[in-house]
Protein backbone atom coordinates (compact mmCIF):
# COMPACT_ATOMS: atom_id res chain seq x y z
CA UNK A 1 203.91 182.96 154.34
CA UNK A 2 204.06 186.75 154.27
CA UNK A 3 202.52 187.97 157.54
CA UNK A 4 201.64 191.37 156.10
CA UNK A 5 199.72 190.12 153.02
CA UNK A 6 199.02 186.52 153.99
CA UNK A 7 200.46 185.31 150.67
CA UNK A 8 202.71 182.28 150.36
CA UNK A 9 205.18 183.91 147.99
CA UNK A 10 207.37 180.83 147.64
CA UNK A 11 204.37 178.80 146.42
CA UNK A 12 203.23 181.63 144.16
CA UNK A 13 206.70 182.01 142.64
CA UNK A 14 206.99 178.27 142.13
CA UNK A 15 203.59 178.09 140.41
CA UNK A 16 204.37 181.11 138.27
CA UNK A 17 207.79 179.90 137.12
CA UNK A 18 206.55 176.36 136.45
CA UNK A 19 204.08 177.74 133.93
CA UNK A 20 201.65 174.85 134.34
CA UNK A 21 198.68 177.00 135.29
CA UNK A 22 197.60 180.39 133.99
CA UNK A 23 198.45 183.65 135.70
CA UNK A 24 194.73 184.21 136.24
CA UNK A 25 194.40 180.87 138.01
CA UNK A 26 197.38 181.65 140.25
CA UNK A 27 195.86 185.03 141.16
CA UNK A 28 192.49 183.49 141.87
CA UNK A 29 193.98 180.72 144.00
CA UNK A 30 195.99 183.18 146.08
CA UNK A 31 193.35 185.97 146.13
CA UNK A 32 195.46 188.64 144.46
CA UNK A 33 195.30 190.83 141.38
CA UNK A 34 197.49 190.34 138.33
CA UNK A 35 199.03 193.74 139.06
CA UNK A 36 200.22 192.53 142.46
CA UNK A 37 201.57 189.31 140.96
CA UNK A 38 203.43 191.07 138.13
CA UNK A 39 204.89 193.57 140.60
CA UNK A 40 206.26 190.65 142.64
CA UNK A 41 207.63 189.03 139.46
CA UNK A 42 209.40 192.26 138.51
CA UNK A 43 210.67 193.14 141.97
CA UNK A 44 211.75 189.59 142.80
CA UNK A 45 213.49 188.94 139.50
CA UNK A 46 211.50 185.75 138.95
CA UNK A 47 212.17 183.61 135.91
CA UNK A 48 209.87 184.72 133.12
CA UNK A 49 207.34 182.27 131.78
CA UNK A 50 207.71 181.10 128.20
CA UNK A 51 205.12 182.54 125.87
CA UNK A 52 203.17 179.60 124.55
CA UNK A 53 204.26 176.83 122.25
CA UNK A 54 207.68 176.79 120.62
CA UNK A 55 207.97 178.71 117.35
CA UNK A 56 207.70 176.64 114.20
CA UNK A 57 210.76 177.37 112.06
CA UNK A 58 208.98 177.17 108.71
CA UNK A 59 206.20 179.47 109.89
CA UNK A 60 208.78 181.98 111.12
CA UNK A 61 210.70 181.87 107.84
CA UNK A 62 207.46 182.41 105.92
CA UNK A 63 206.58 185.36 108.14
CA UNK A 64 210.02 186.90 107.59
CA UNK A 65 209.62 186.58 103.82
CA UNK A 66 206.24 188.30 104.05
CA UNK A 67 207.70 191.12 106.16
CA UNK A 68 210.45 191.59 103.59
CA UNK A 69 207.79 191.59 100.86
CA UNK A 70 205.86 194.34 102.68
CA UNK A 71 209.02 196.42 103.14
CA UNK A 72 209.79 196.22 99.44
CA UNK A 73 206.19 197.06 98.61
CA UNK A 74 206.41 200.14 100.83
CA UNK A 75 209.66 201.19 99.16
CA UNK A 76 208.11 200.84 95.72
CA UNK A 77 205.27 203.17 96.63
CA UNK A 78 207.24 205.79 98.59
CA UNK A 79 210.64 205.91 96.92
CA UNK A 80 210.95 208.85 94.52
CA UNK A 81 214.72 208.94 94.03
CA UNK A 82 217.58 206.56 94.58
CA UNK A 83 219.95 208.15 97.05
CA UNK A 84 222.54 206.73 99.45
CA UNK A 85 219.88 205.90 102.02
CA UNK A 86 217.76 203.98 99.52
CA UNK A 87 220.77 202.11 98.13
CA UNK A 88 221.80 201.15 101.68
CA UNK A 89 218.28 199.95 102.47
CA UNK A 90 218.19 197.90 99.26
CA UNK A 91 221.54 196.35 100.19
CA UNK A 92 220.22 195.41 103.62
CA UNK A 93 217.05 193.96 102.11
CA UNK A 94 219.11 191.92 99.67
CA UNK A 95 221.29 190.58 102.52
CA UNK A 96 218.16 189.72 104.48
CA UNK A 97 216.77 187.90 101.46
CA UNK A 98 220.01 185.94 101.05
CA UNK A 99 219.96 184.90 104.72
CA UNK A 100 216.32 183.87 104.50
CA UNK A 101 217.06 181.79 101.43
CA UNK A 102 219.96 180.10 103.24
CA UNK A 103 217.75 179.34 106.23
CA UNK A 104 214.96 178.12 103.99
CA UNK A 105 217.35 175.88 102.05
CA UNK A 106 218.65 174.33 105.26
CA UNK A 107 215.09 173.86 106.49
CA UNK A 108 214.05 172.34 103.17
CA UNK A 109 216.77 169.71 103.50
CA UNK A 110 215.31 168.73 106.86
CA UNK A 111 211.63 168.77 105.95
CA UNK A 112 210.14 169.45 102.55
CA UNK A 113 206.43 169.95 102.05
CA UNK A 114 205.10 170.65 98.55
CA UNK A 115 202.74 173.47 99.59
CA UNK A 116 205.33 175.41 101.61
CA UNK A 117 208.03 174.90 99.00
CA UNK A 118 205.84 176.21 96.18
CA UNK A 119 204.65 179.23 98.18
CA UNK A 120 208.13 180.09 99.36
CA UNK A 121 209.60 179.71 95.86
CA UNK A 122 206.95 182.05 94.44
CA UNK A 123 207.44 184.59 97.19
CA UNK A 124 211.22 184.43 96.91
CA UNK A 125 211.01 184.93 93.14
CA UNK A 126 208.66 187.92 93.48
CA UNK A 127 210.87 189.57 96.10
CA UNK A 128 214.01 189.05 94.03
CA UNK A 129 212.36 190.54 90.93
CA UNK A 130 211.08 193.52 92.87
CA UNK A 131 214.49 194.25 94.42
CA UNK A 132 216.05 194.09 90.95
CA UNK A 133 213.37 196.43 89.55
CA UNK A 134 213.80 198.94 92.40
CA UNK A 135 217.59 198.94 92.20
CA UNK A 136 217.45 199.73 88.46
CA UNK A 137 215.30 202.85 89.00
């Protein structure tokens, strides 16, 4: 128990690191603000809480494909000439696409769902066609 603040920092740290109750509940239980708690976390080097549920691999792969799709879309609308910078960016996008396809193929071997497979195949096809079209400009 901290005599200056009256807080039981060991109990607070334990509750925080365990992650079983919300930060708000910890603050309410120990009559402190979130600012005070986060300052103690930072200053004390406490173990950070995990942010929610574990990431679903297929959802992450889908999101990465969509990000790549947006990047290509942006390039199509803003690119006026094909210089070294643009060629380098296209090369990086193509490598990213190859890696995503590899990851997706490995994931597909583990778990294959018709809806995800169809969506991913369509998205992959569109991205590949768009990269080809941009690189030929």
